[in-house]
Amino acid sequence: TWTVIPTIMCVFLFYYGWRGYYRMVTPPQKALEIQVIAQ
């Protein structure tokens, strides 16, 4: 019980975290582009 349940929870957290991260780092091809210079 204390092995399987935490494992399932970690798998769900990883999956939804990865899916959200993938969306956040993959812009559409027709996105408006702006150059940013920091100093």
Full PDB file with SEQRES, HELIX, SHEET, SSBOND, CRYST1, ORIGX, SCALE, CONECT and MASTER records, all heavy atoms in Angstrom:
SEQRES   1 A   39  THR TRP THR VAL ILE PRO THR ILE MET CYS VAL PHE LEU          
SEQRES   2 A   39  PHE TYR TYR GLY TRP ARG GLY TYR TYR ARG MET VAL THR          
SEQRES   3 A   39  PRO PRO GLN LYS ALA LEU GLU ILE GLN VAL ILE ALA GLN          
HELIX    1 AA1 VAL A    4  MET A   24  1                                  21    
CRYST1    1.000    1.000    1.000  90.00  90.00  90.00 P 1           1          
ORIGX1      1.000000  0.000000  0.000000        0.00000                         
ORIGX2      0.000000  1.000000  0.000000        0.00000                         
ORIGX3      0.000000  0.000000  1.000000        0.00000                         
SCALE1      1.000000  0.000000  0.000000        0.00000                         
SCALE2      0.000000  1.000000  0.000000        0.00000                         
SCALE3      0.000000  0.000000  1.000000        0.00000                         
ATOM      1  N   THR A   1       0.826  -1.217   0.000  1.00  0.00           N  
ATOM      2  CA  THR A   1       0.000   0.000   0.000  1.00  0.00           C  
ATOM      3  C   THR A   1       0.851   1.253   0.000  1.00  0.00           C  
ATOM      4  O   THR A   1       0.637   2.177  -0.811  1.00  0.00           O  
ATOM      5  CB  THR A   1      -0.938   0.004   1.229  1.00  0.00           C  
ATOM      6  OG1 THR A   1      -1.791  -1.138   1.160  1.00  0.00           O  
ATOM      7  CG2 THR A   1      -1.771   1.277   1.268  1.00  0.00           C  
ATOM      8  N   TRP A   2       1.861   1.323   0.912  1.00  0.00           N  
ATOM      9  CA  TRP A   2       2.625   2.568   0.991  1.00  0.00           C  
ATOM     10  C   TRP A   2       3.683   2.672  -0.108  1.00  0.00           C  
ATOM     11  O   TRP A   2       4.398   3.669  -0.195  1.00  0.00           O  
ATOM     12  CB  TRP A   2       3.217   2.777   2.379  1.00  0.00           C  
ATOM     13  CG  TRP A   2       4.364   1.882   2.803  1.00  0.00           C  
ATOM     14  CD1 TRP A   2       5.368   1.377   2.052  1.00  0.00           C  
ATOM     15  CD2 TRP A   2       4.617   1.446   4.137  1.00  0.00           C  
ATOM     16  NE1 TRP A   2       6.228   0.651   2.815  1.00  0.00           N  
ATOM     17  CE2 TRP A   2       5.792   0.671   4.107  1.00  0.00           C  
ATOM     18  CE3 TRP A   2       3.979   1.631   5.363  1.00  0.00           C  
ATOM     19  CZ2 TRP A   2       6.342   0.073   5.249  1.00  0.00           C  
ATOM     20  CZ3 TRP A   2       4.525   1.038   6.486  1.00  0.00           C  
ATOM     21  CH2 TRP A   2       5.684   0.275   6.432  1.00  0.00           C  
ATOM     22  N   THR A   3       3.787   1.647  -0.954  1.00  0.00           N  
ATOM     23  CA  THR A   3       4.647   1.738  -2.136  1.00  0.00           C  
ATOM     24  C   THR A   3       3.838   2.095  -3.382  1.00  0.00           C  
ATOM     25  O   THR A   3       4.210   2.980  -4.146  1.00  0.00           O  
ATOM     26  CB  THR A   3       5.395   0.415  -2.371  1.00  0.00           C  
ATOM     27  OG1 THR A   3       6.205   0.124  -1.233  1.00  0.00           O  
ATOM     28  CG2 THR A   3       6.275   0.498  -3.607  1.00  0.00           C  
ATOM     29  N   VAL A   4       2.714   1.418  -3.574  1.00  0.00           N  
ATOM     30  CA  VAL A   4       1.931   1.587  -4.799  1.00  0.00           C  
ATOM     31  C   VAL A   4       1.227   2.941  -4.838  1.00  0.00           C  
ATOM     32  O   VAL A   4       1.273   3.657  -5.853  1.00  0.00           O  
ATOM     33  CB  VAL A   4       0.903   0.443  -4.942  1.00  0.00           C  
ATOM     34  CG1 VAL A   4      -0.054   0.720  -6.110  1.00  0.00           C  
ATOM     35  CG2 VAL A   4       1.623  -0.877  -5.160  1.00  0.00           C  
ATOM     36  N   ILE A   5       0.567   3.331  -3.751  1.00  0.00           N  
ATOM     37  CA  ILE A   5      -0.202   4.580  -3.763  1.00  0.00           C  
ATOM     38  C   ILE A   5       0.700   5.797  -4.009  1.00  0.00           C  
ATOM     39  O   ILE A   5       0.399   6.617  -4.895  1.00  0.00           O  
ATOM     40  CB  ILE A   5      -1.023   4.727  -2.463  1.00  0.00           C  
ATOM     41  CG1 ILE A   5      -2.131   3.673  -2.439  1.00  0.00           C  
ATOM     42  CG2 ILE A   5      -1.619   6.129  -2.352  1.00  0.00           C  
ATOM     43  CD1 ILE A   5      -2.973   3.706  -1.182  1.00  0.00           C  
ATOM     44  N   PRO A   6       1.812   5.978  -3.277  1.00  0.00           N  
ATOM     45  CA  PRO A   6       2.678   7.121  -3.592  1.00  0.00           C  
ATOM     46  C   PRO A   6       3.258   7.075  -5.013  1.00  0.00           C  
ATOM     47  O   PRO A   6       3.442   8.112  -5.649  1.00  0.00           O  
ATOM     48  CB  PRO A   6       3.785   7.025  -2.540  1.00  0.00           C  
ATOM     49  CG  PRO A   6       3.177   6.281  -1.409  1.00  0.00           C  
ATOM     50  CD  PRO A   6       2.268   5.288  -2.057  1.00  0.00           C  
ATOM     51  N   THR A   7       3.526   5.869  -5.526  1.00  0.00           N  
ATOM     52  CA  THR A   7       4.044   5.747  -6.890  1.00  0.00           C  
ATOM     53  C   THR A   7       3.019   6.249  -7.903  1.00  0.00           C  
ATOM     54  O   THR A   7       3.351   6.990  -8.834  1.00  0.00           O  
ATOM     55  CB  THR A   7       4.409   4.287  -7.200  1.00  0.00           C  
ATOM     56  OG1 THR A   7       5.424   3.854  -6.290  1.00  0.00           O  
ATOM     57  CG2 THR A   7       4.926   4.150  -8.629  1.00  0.00           C  
ATOM     58  N   ILE A   8       1.767   5.840  -7.730  1.00  0.00           N  
ATOM     59  CA  ILE A   8       0.706   6.307  -8.630  1.00  0.00           C  
ATOM     60  C   ILE A   8       0.572   7.824  -8.561  1.00  0.00           C  
ATOM     61  O   ILE A   8       0.440   8.510  -9.582  1.00  0.00           O  
ATOM     62  CB  ILE A   8      -0.627   5.620  -8.281  1.00  0.00           C  
ATOM     63  CG1 ILE A   8      -0.548   4.121  -8.583  1.00  0.00           C  
ATOM     64  CG2 ILE A   8      -1.788   6.261  -9.052  1.00  0.00           C  
ATOM     65  CD1 ILE A   8      -1.756   3.333  -8.118  1.00  0.00           C  
ATOM     66  N   MET A   9       0.623   8.376  -7.359  1.00  0.00           N  
ATOM     67  CA  MET A   9       0.516   9.831  -7.202  1.00  0.00           C  
ATOM     68  C   MET A   9       1.675  10.533  -7.898  1.00  0.00           C  
ATOM     69  O   MET A   9       1.485  11.549  -8.585  1.00  0.00           O  
ATOM     70  CB  MET A   9       0.482  10.191  -5.713  1.00  0.00           C  
ATOM     71  CG  MET A   9      -0.780   9.714  -5.015  1.00  0.00           C  
ATOM     72  SD  MET A   9      -0.689   9.876  -3.228  1.00  0.00           S  
ATOM     73  CE  MET A   9      -0.346  11.594  -3.064  1.00  0.00           C  
ATOM     74  N   CYS A  10       2.880  10.010  -7.757  1.00  0.00           N  
ATOM     75  CA  CYS A  10       4.056  10.625  -8.399  1.00  0.00           C  
ATOM     76  C   CYS A  10       3.947  10.566  -9.922  1.00  0.00           C  
ATOM     77  O   CYS A  10       4.329  11.506 -10.619  1.00  0.00           O  
ATOM     78  CB  CYS A  10       5.329   9.935  -7.936  1.00  0.00           C  
ATOM     79  SG  CYS A  10       5.796  10.319  -6.239  1.00  0.00           S  
ATOM     80  N   VAL A  11       3.411   9.443 -10.445  1.00  0.00           N  
ATOM     81  CA  VAL A  11       3.245   9.315 -11.897  1.00  0.00           C  
ATOM     82  C   VAL A  11       2.262  10.365 -12.412  1.00  0.00           C  
ATOM     83  O   VAL A  11       2.514  11.021 -13.438  1.00  0.00           O  
ATOM     84  CB  VAL A  11       2.759   7.893 -12.263  1.00  0.00           C  
ATOM     85  CG1 VAL A  11       2.312   7.830 -13.726  1.00  0.00           C  
ATOM     86  CG2 VAL A  11       3.865   6.881 -12.013  1.00  0.00           C  
ATOM     87  N   PHE A  12       1.138  10.559 -11.716  1.00  0.00           N  
ATOM     88  CA  PHE A  12       0.171  11.576 -12.136  1.00  0.00           C  
ATOM     89  C   PHE A  12       0.774  12.974 -12.049  1.00  0.00           C  
ATOM     90  O   PHE A  12       0.592  13.792 -12.965  1.00  0.00           O  
ATOM     91  CB  PHE A  12      -1.098  11.488 -11.282  1.00  0.00           C  
ATOM     92  CG  PHE A  12      -2.105  10.502 -11.808  1.00  0.00           C  
ATOM     93  CD1 PHE A  12      -2.172   9.220 -11.299  1.00  0.00           C  
ATOM     94  CD2 PHE A  12      -2.974  10.866 -12.817  1.00  0.00           C  
ATOM     95  CE1 PHE A  12      -3.088   8.300 -11.787  1.00  0.00           C  
ATOM     96  CE2 PHE A  12      -3.902   9.963 -13.317  1.00  0.00           C  
ATOM     97  CZ  PHE A  12      -3.962   8.671 -12.804  1.00  0.00           C  
ATOM     98  N   LEU A  13       1.490  13.286 -10.979  1.00  0.00           N  
ATOM     99  CA  LEU A  13       2.124  14.600 -10.849  1.00  0.00           C  
ATOM    100  C   LEU A  13       3.137  14.827 -11.958  1.00  0.00           C  
ATOM    101  O   LEU A  13       3.216  15.919 -12.536  1.00  0.00           O  
ATOM    102  CB  LEU A  13       2.781  14.731  -9.477  1.00  0.00           C  
ATOM    103  CG  LEU A  13       1.852  14.821  -8.273  1.00  0.00           C  
ATOM    104  CD1 LEU A  13       2.668  14.822  -6.983  1.00  0.00           C  
ATOM    105  CD2 LEU A  13       0.983  16.074  -8.347  1.00  0.00           C  
ATOM    106  N   PHE A  14       3.932  13.802 -12.256  1.00  0.00           N  
ATOM    107  CA  PHE A  14       4.908  13.932 -13.330  1.00  0.00           C  
ATOM    108  C   PHE A  14       4.227  14.166 -14.671  1.00  0.00           C  
ATOM    109  O   PHE A  14       4.619  15.050 -15.445  1.00  0.00           O  
ATOM    110  CB  PHE A  14       5.791  12.688 -13.422  1.00  0.00           C  
ATOM    111  CG  PHE A  14       6.666  12.676 -14.637  1.00  0.00           C  
ATOM    112  CD1 PHE A  14       7.848  13.403 -14.666  1.00  0.00           C  
ATOM    113  CD2 PHE A  14       6.300  11.962 -15.768  1.00  0.00           C  
ATOM    114  CE1 PHE A  14       8.646  13.418 -15.796  1.00  0.00           C  
ATOM    115  CE2 PHE A  14       7.091  11.965 -16.904  1.00  0.00           C  
ATOM    116  CZ  PHE A  14       8.273  12.687 -16.914  1.00  0.00           C  
ATOM    117  N   TYR A  15       3.187  13.374 -14.959  1.00  0.00           N  
ATOM    118  CA  TYR A  15       2.521  13.480 -16.261  1.00  0.00           C  
ATOM    119  C   TYR A  15       1.916  14.863 -16.471  1.00  0.00           C  
ATOM    120  O   TYR A  15       2.150  15.503 -17.502  1.00  0.00           O  
ATOM    121  CB  TYR A  15       1.434  12.413 -16.396  1.00  0.00           C  
ATOM    122  CG  TYR A  15       0.573  12.616 -17.619  1.00  0.00           C  
ATOM    123  CD1 TYR A  15       1.065  12.336 -18.886  1.00  0.00           C  
ATOM    124  CD2 TYR A  15      -0.717  13.135 -17.503  1.00  0.00           C  
ATOM    125  CE1 TYR A  15       0.290  12.550 -20.024  1.00  0.00           C  
ATOM    126  CE2 TYR A  15      -1.497  13.348 -18.628  1.00  0.00           C  
ATOM    127  CZ  TYR A  15      -0.986  13.058 -19.885  1.00  0.00           C  
ATOM    128  OH  TYR A  15      -1.755  13.280 -20.999  1.00  0.00           O  
ATOM    129  N   TYR A  16       1.137  15.345 -15.495  1.00  0.00           N  
ATOM    130  CA  TYR A  16       0.488  16.643 -15.666  1.00  0.00           C  
ATOM    131  C   TYR A  16       1.506  17.788 -15.595  1.00  0.00           C  
ATOM    132  O   TYR A  16       1.349  18.802 -16.275  1.00  0.00           O  
ATOM    133  CB  TYR A  16      -0.614  16.821 -14.621  1.00  0.00           C  
ATOM    134  CG  TYR A  16      -1.839  15.994 -14.932  1.00  0.00           C  
ATOM    135  CD1 TYR A  16      -2.112  14.831 -14.222  1.00  0.00           C  
ATOM    136  CD2 TYR A  16      -2.696  16.365 -15.956  1.00  0.00           C  
ATOM    137  CE1 TYR A  16      -3.225  14.059 -14.521  1.00  0.00           C  
ATOM    138  CE2 TYR A  16      -3.814  15.599 -16.268  1.00  0.00           C  
ATOM    139  CZ  TYR A  16      -4.067  14.448 -15.554  1.00  0.00           C  
ATOM    140  OH  TYR A  16      -5.158  13.683 -15.871  1.00  0.00           O  
ATOM    141  N   GLY A  17       2.556  17.620 -14.799  1.00  0.00           N  
ATOM    142  CA  GLY A  17       3.610  18.628 -14.779  1.00  0.00           C  
ATOM    143  C   GLY A  17       4.348  18.694 -16.100  1.00  0.00           C  
ATOM    144  O   GLY A  17       4.604  19.784 -16.627  1.00  0.00           O  
ATOM    145  N   TRP A  18       4.666  17.523 -16.671  1.00  0.00           N  
ATOM    146  CA  TRP A  18       5.353  17.483 -17.960  1.00  0.00           C  
ATOM    147  C   TRP A  18       4.483  18.048 -19.056  1.00  0.00           C  
ATOM    148  O   TRP A  18       4.952  18.793 -19.925  1.00  0.00           O  
ATOM    149  CB  TRP A  18       5.746  16.039 -18.293  1.00  0.00           C  
ATOM    150  CG  TRP A  18       6.293  15.901 -19.686  1.00  0.00           C  
ATOM    151  CD1 TRP A  18       7.572  16.146 -20.103  1.00  0.00           C  
ATOM    152  CD2 TRP A  18       5.557  15.500 -20.844  1.00  0.00           C  
ATOM    153  NE1 TRP A  18       7.677  15.911 -21.453  1.00  0.00           N  
ATOM    154  CE2 TRP A  18       6.458  15.518 -21.940  1.00  0.00           C  
ATOM    155  CE3 TRP A  18       4.239  15.122 -21.068  1.00  0.00           C  
ATOM    156  CZ2 TRP A  18       6.072  15.178 -23.237  1.00  0.00           C  
ATOM    157  CZ3 TRP A  18       3.843  14.788 -22.355  1.00  0.00           C  
ATOM    158  CH2 TRP A  18       4.761  14.814 -23.420  1.00  0.00           C  
ATOM    159  N   ARG A  19       3.186  17.708 -19.050  1.00  0.00           N  
ATOM    160  CA  ARG A  19       2.283  18.204 -20.087  1.00  0.00           C  
ATOM    161  C   ARG A  19       2.168  19.725 -20.040  1.00  0.00           C  
ATOM    162  O   ARG A  19       2.230  20.402 -21.086  1.00  0.00           O  
ATOM    163  CB  ARG A  19       0.892  17.581 -19.911  1.00  0.00           C  
ATOM    164  CG  ARG A  19      -0.047  17.878 -21.061  1.00  0.00           C  
ATOM    165  CD  ARG A  19      -1.377  17.198 -20.894  1.00  0.00           C  
ATOM    166  NE  ARG A  19      -2.140  17.760 -19.783  1.00  0.00           N  
ATOM    167  CZ  ARG A  19      -3.417  17.464 -19.540  1.00  0.00           C  
ATOM    168  NH1 ARG A  19      -4.046  16.586 -20.306  1.00  0.00           N  
ATOM    169  NH2 ARG A  19      -4.045  18.009 -18.524  1.00  0.00           N  
ATOM    170  N   GLY A  20       2.055  20.284 -18.823  1.00  0.00           N  
ATOM    171  CA  GLY A  20       2.000  21.741 -18.694  1.00  0.00           C  
ATOM    172  C   GLY A  20       3.296  22.390 -19.127  1.00  0.00           C  
ATOM    173  O   GLY A  20       3.295  23.428 -19.807  1.00  0.00           O  
ATOM    174  N   TYR A  21       4.426  21.795 -18.754  1.00  0.00           N  
ATOM    175  CA  TYR A  21       5.734  22.343 -19.152  1.00  0.00           C  
ATOM    176  C   TYR A  21       5.896  22.316 -20.671  1.00  0.00           C  
ATOM    177  O   TYR A  21       6.367  23.286 -21.270  1.00  0.00           O  
ATOM    178  CB  TYR A  21       6.842  21.539 -18.492  1.00  0.00           C  
ATOM    179  CG  TYR A  21       8.220  21.898 -18.982  1.00  0.00           C  
ATOM    180  CD1 TYR A  21       8.869  23.048 -18.518  1.00  0.00           C  
ATOM    181  CD2 TYR A  21       8.883  21.097 -19.914  1.00  0.00           C  
ATOM    182  CE1 TYR A  21      10.133  23.381 -18.982  1.00  0.00           C  
ATOM    183  CE2 TYR A  21      10.142  21.431 -20.377  1.00  0.00           C  
ATOM    184  CZ  TYR A  21      10.761  22.569 -19.910  1.00  0.00           C  
ATOM    185  OH  TYR A  21      12.014  22.905 -20.378  1.00  0.00           O  
ATOM    186  N   TYR A  22       5.473  21.212 -21.298  1.00  0.00           N  
ATOM    187  CA  TYR A  22       5.609  21.091 -22.753  1.00  0.00           C  
ATOM    188  C   TYR A  22       4.814  22.182 -23.459  1.00  0.00           C  
ATOM    189  O   TYR A  22       5.287  22.786 -24.430  1.00  0.00           O  
ATOM    190  CB  TYR A  22       5.129  19.705 -23.192  1.00  0.00           C  
ATOM    191  CG  TYR A  22       5.242  19.469 -24.678  1.00  0.00           C  
ATOM    192  CD1 TYR A  22       6.469  19.147 -25.250  1.00  0.00           C  
ATOM    193  CD2 TYR A  22       4.122  19.558 -25.504  1.00  0.00           C  
ATOM    194  CE1 TYR A  22       6.577  18.932 -26.623  1.00  0.00           C  
ATOM    195  CE2 TYR A  22       4.217  19.349 -26.863  1.00  0.00           C  
ATOM    196  CZ  TYR A  22       5.452  19.031 -27.426  1.00  0.00           C  
ATOM    197  OH  TYR A  22       5.556  18.841 -28.768  1.00  0.00           O  
ATOM    198  N   ARG A  23       3.605  22.456 -22.975  1.00  0.00           N  
ATOM    199  CA  ARG A  23       2.793  23.520 -23.584  1.00  0.00           C  
ATOM    200  C   ARG A  23       3.444  24.887 -23.396  1.00  0.00           C  
ATOM    201  O   ARG A  23       3.413  25.731 -24.299  1.00  0.00           O  
ATOM    202  CB  ARG A  23       1.397  23.512 -22.967  1.00  0.00           C  
ATOM    203  CG  ARG A  23       0.529  22.347 -23.389  1.00  0.00           C  
ATOM    204  CD  ARG A  23      -0.810  22.391 -22.672  1.00  0.00           C  
ATOM    205  NE  ARG A  23      -1.697  21.323 -23.107  1.00  0.00           N  
ATOM    206  CZ  ARG A  23      -2.879  21.087 -22.574  1.00  0.00           C  
ATOM    207  NH1 ARG A  23      -3.332  21.856 -21.584  1.00  0.00           N  
ATOM    208  NH2 ARG A  23      -3.631  20.089 -23.019  1.00  0.00           N  
ATOM    209  N   MET A  24       4.048  25.090 -22.222  1.00  0.00           N  
ATOM    210  CA  MET A  24       4.614  26.407 -21.917  1.00  0.00           C  
ATOM    211  C   MET A  24       5.890  26.694 -22.707  1.00  0.00           C  
ATOM    212  O   MET A  24       6.279  27.852 -22.853  1.00  0.00           O  
ATOM    213  CB  MET A  24       4.898  26.513 -20.420  1.00  0.00           C  
ATOM    214  CG  MET A  24       3.662  26.481 -19.544  1.00  0.00           C  
ATOM    215  SD  MET A  24       2.678  27.988 -19.614  1.00  0.00           S  
ATOM    216  CE  MET A  24       3.637  29.055 -18.551  1.00  0.00           C  
ATOM    217  N   VAL A  25       6.574  25.660 -23.206  1.00  0.00           N  
ATOM    218  CA  VAL A  25       7.844  25.889 -23.911  1.00  0.00           C  
ATOM    219  C   VAL A  25       7.736  25.639 -25.410  1.00  0.00           C  
ATOM    220  O   VAL A  25       8.749  25.684 -26.116  1.00  0.00           O  
ATOM    221  CB  VAL A  25       8.975  25.017 -23.319  1.00  0.00           C  
ATOM    222  CG1 VAL A  25       9.215  25.371 -21.868  1.00  0.00           C  
ATOM    223  CG2 VAL A  25       8.687  23.530 -23.489  1.00  0.00           C  
ATOM    224  N   THR A  26       6.527  25.383 -25.915  1.00  0.00           N  
ATOM    225  CA  THR A  26       6.347  25.120 -27.347  1.00  0.00           C  
ATOM    226  C   THR A  26       5.422  26.164 -27.954  1.00  0.00           C  
ATOM    227  O   THR A  26       4.199  26.008 -27.929  1.00  0.00           O  
ATOM    228  CB  THR A  26       5.767  23.705 -27.573  1.00  0.00           C  
ATOM    229  OG1 THR A  26       6.541  22.752 -26.831  1.00  0.00           O  
ATOM    230  CG2 THR A  26       5.787  23.345 -29.048  1.00  0.00           C  
ATOM    231  N   PRO A  27       5.973  27.253 -28.490  1.00  0.00           N  
ATOM    232  CA  PRO A  27       5.120  28.321 -29.026  1.00  0.00           C  
ATOM    233  C   PRO A  27       4.517  27.941 -30.368  1.00  0.00           C  
ATOM    234  O   PRO A  27       5.078  27.111 -31.104  1.00  0.00           O  
ATOM    235  CB  PRO A  27       6.104  29.493 -29.191  1.00  0.00           C  
ATOM    236  CG  PRO A  27       7.423  28.836 -29.406  1.00  0.00           C  
ATOM    237  CD  PRO A  27       7.393  27.584 -28.576  1.00  0.00           C  
ATOM    238  N   PRO A  28       3.375  28.519 -30.716  1.00  0.00           N  
ATOM    239  CA  PRO A  28       2.809  28.313 -32.059  1.00  0.00           C  
ATOM    240  C   PRO A  28       3.740  28.891 -33.120  1.00  0.00           C  
ATOM    241  O   PRO A  28       4.531  29.804 -32.859  1.00  0.00           O  
ATOM    242  CB  PRO A  28       1.484  29.090 -32.004  1.00  0.00           C  
ATOM    243  CG  PRO A  28       1.218  29.336 -30.561  1.00  0.00           C  
ATOM    244  CD  PRO A  28       2.528  29.377 -29.873  1.00  0.00           C  
ATOM    245  N   GLN A  29       3.640  28.363 -34.345  1.00  0.00           N  
ATOM    246  CA  GLN A  29       4.519  28.815 -35.425  1.00  0.00           C  
ATOM    247  C   GLN A  29       4.273  30.268 -35.810  1.00  0.00           C  
ATOM    248  O   GLN A  29       5.197  30.951 -36.257  1.00  0.00           O  
ATOM    249  CB  GLN A  29       4.349  27.911 -36.642  1.00  0.00           C  
ATOM    250  CG  GLN A  29       4.856  26.485 -36.439  1.00  0.00           C  
ATOM    251  CD  GLN A  29       4.758  25.651 -37.692  1.00  0.00           C  
ATOM    252  OE1 GLN A  29       4.145  26.067 -38.676  1.00  0.00           O  
ATOM    253  NE2 GLN A  29       5.350  24.470 -37.671  1.00  0.00           N  
ATOM    254  N   LYS A  30       3.057  30.754 -35.650  1.00  0.00           N  
ATOM    255  CA  LYS A  30       2.721  32.111 -36.087  1.00  0.00           C  
ATOM    256  C   LYS A  30       2.671  33.101 -34.928  1.00  0.00           C  
ATOM    257  O   LYS A  30       1.957  34.099 -34.981  1.00  0.00           O  
ATOM    258  CB  LYS A  30       1.385  32.104 -36.830  1.00  0.00           C  
ATOM    259  CG  LYS A  30       1.409  31.303 -38.126  1.00  0.00           C  
ATOM    260  CD  LYS A  30       0.089  31.398 -38.874  1.00  0.00           C  
ATOM    261  CE  LYS A  30       0.146  30.628 -40.174  1.00  0.00           C  
ATOM    262  NZ  LYS A  30      -1.151  30.725 -40.929  1.00  0.00           N  
ATOM    263  N   ALA A  31       3.434  32.858 -33.881  1.00  0.00           N  
ATOM    264  CA  ALA A  31       3.446  33.775 -32.744  1.00  0.00           C  
ATOM    265  C   ALA A  31       4.136  35.088 -33.109  1.00  0.00           C  
ATOM    266  O   ALA A  31       5.093  35.113 -33.898  1.00  0.00           O  
ATOM    267  CB  ALA A  31       4.165  33.125 -31.565  1.00  0.00           C  
ATOM    268  N   LEU A  32       3.645  36.183 -32.535  1.00  0.00           N  
ATOM    269  CA  LEU A  32       4.289  37.488 -32.694  1.00  0.00           C  
ATOM    270  C   LEU A  32       5.648  37.451 -31.991  1.00  0.00           C  
ATOM    271  O   LEU A  32       5.739  37.063 -30.831  1.00  0.00           O  
ATOM    272  CB  LEU A  32       3.406  38.572 -32.071  1.00  0.00           C  
ATOM    273  CG  LEU A  32       3.999  39.972 -31.983  1.00  0.00           C  
ATOM    274  CD1 LEU A  32       4.137  40.587 -33.364  1.00  0.00           C  
ATOM    275  CD2 LEU A  32       3.123  40.862 -31.090  1.00  0.00           C  
ATOM    276  N   GLU A  33       6.718  37.860 -32.679  1.00  0.00           N  
ATOM    277  CA  GLU A  33       8.062  37.759 -32.108  1.00  0.00           C  
ATOM    278  C   GLU A  33       8.562  39.126 -31.641  1.00  0.00           C  
ATOM    279  O   GLU A  33       8.466  40.123 -32.369  1.00  0.00           O  
ATOM    280  CB  GLU A  33       9.034  37.186 -33.132  1.00  0.00           C  
ATOM    281  CG  GLU A  33      10.409  36.893 -32.569  1.00  0.00           C  
ATOM    282  CD  GLU A  33      11.274  36.090 -33.518  1.00  0.00           C  
ATOM    283  OE1 GLU A  33      10.974  34.899 -33.713  1.00  0.00           O  
ATOM    284  OE2 GLU A  33      12.240  36.673 -34.059  1.00  0.00           O  
ATOM    285  N   ILE A  34       9.092  39.164 -30.430  1.00  0.00           N  
ATOM    286  CA  ILE A  34       9.667  40.378 -29.852  1.00  0.00           C  
ATOM    287  C   ILE A  34      11.060  40.041 -29.338  1.00  0.00           C  
ATOM    288  O   ILE A  34      11.256  39.037 -28.656  1.00  0.00           O  
ATOM    289  CB  ILE A  34       8.786  40.917 -28.708  1.00  0.00           C  
ATOM    290  CG1 ILE A  34       7.388  41.266 -29.228  1.00  0.00           C  
ATOM    291  CG2 ILE A  34       9.437  42.142 -28.053  1.00  0.00           C  
ATOM    292  CD1 ILE A  34       6.408  41.691 -28.143  1.00  0.00           C  
ATOM    293  N   GLN A  35      12.041  40.886 -29.684  1.00  0.00           N  
ATOM    294  CA  GLN A  35      13.413  40.707 -29.216  1.00  0.00           C  
ATOM    295  C   GLN A  35      13.556  41.373 -27.846  1.00  0.00           C  
ATOM    296  O   GLN A  35      13.069  42.485 -27.629  1.00  0.00           O  
ATOM    297  CB  GLN A  35      14.401  41.344 -30.191  1.00  0.00           C  
ATOM    298  CG  GLN A  35      14.213  40.927 -31.641  1.00  0.00           C  
ATOM    299  CD  GLN A  35      14.537  39.477 -31.878  1.00  0.00           C  
ATOM    300  OE1 GLN A  35      15.484  38.945 -31.308  1.00  0.00           O  
ATOM    301  NE2 GLN A  35      13.740  38.826 -32.726  1.00  0.00           N  
ATOM    302  N   VAL A  36      14.235  40.683 -26.926  1.00  0.00           N  
ATOM    303  CA  VAL A  36      14.417  41.201 -25.571  1.00  0.00           C  
ATOM    304  C   VAL A  36      15.918  41.263 -25.272  1.00  0.00           C  
ATOM    305  O   VAL A  36      16.619  40.258 -25.420  1.00  0.00           O  
ATOM    306  CB  VAL A  36      13.708  40.320 -24.528  1.00  0.00           C  
ATOM    307  CG1 VAL A  36      13.884  40.909 -23.128  1.00  0.00           C  
ATOM    308  CG2 VAL A  36      12.234  40.169 -24.868  1.00  0.00           C  
ATOM    309  N   ILE A  37      16.381  42.433 -24.845  1.00  0.00           N  
ATOM    310  CA  ILE A  37      17.775  42.604 -24.454  1.00  0.00           C  
ATOM    311  C   ILE A  37      17.798  43.079 -23.005  1.00  0.00           C  
ATOM    312  O   ILE A  37      17.228  44.120 -22.671  1.00  0.00           O  
ATOM    313  CB  ILE A  37      18.495  43.621 -25.358  1.00  0.00           C  
ATOM    314  CG1 ILE A  37      18.429  43.161 -26.819  1.00  0.00           C  
ATOM    315  CG2 ILE A  37      19.954  43.790 -24.919  1.00  0.00           C  
ATOM    316  CD1 ILE A  37      18.951  44.198 -27.801  1.00  0.00           C  
ATOM    317  N   ALA A  38      18.453  42.304 -22.153  1.00  0.00           N  
ATOM    318  CA  ALA A  38      18.585  42.669 -20.738  1.00  0.00           C  
ATOM    319  C   ALA A  38      20.000  43.157 -20.475  1.00  0.00           C  
ATOM    320  O   ALA A  38      20.963  42.677 -21.086  1.00  0.00           O  
ATOM    321  CB  ALA A  38      18.273  41.468 -19.855  1.00  0.00           C  
ATOM    322  N   GLN A  39      20.121  44.133 -19.582  1.00  0.00           N  
ATOM    323  CA  GLN A  39      21.437  44.635 -19.195  1.00  0.00           C  
ATOM    324  C   GLN A  39      21.310  45.290 -17.830  1.00  0.00           C  
ATOM    325  O   GLN A  39      20.201  45.553 -17.357  1.00  0.00           O  
ATOM    326  CB  GLN A  39      21.960  45.636 -20.215  1.00  0.00           C  
ATOM    327  CG  GLN A  39      21.125  46.912 -20.295  1.00  0.00           C  
ATOM    328  CD  GLN A  39      21.600  47.837 -21.394  1.00  0.00           C  
ATOM    329  OE1 GLN A  39      21.387  47.578 -22.571  1.00  0.00           O  
ATOM    330  NE2 GLN A  39      22.262  48.919 -20.993  1.00  0.00           N  
TER     331      GLN A  39                                                      
MASTER        0    0    0    1    0    0    0    6  330    1    0    3          
END                                                                             
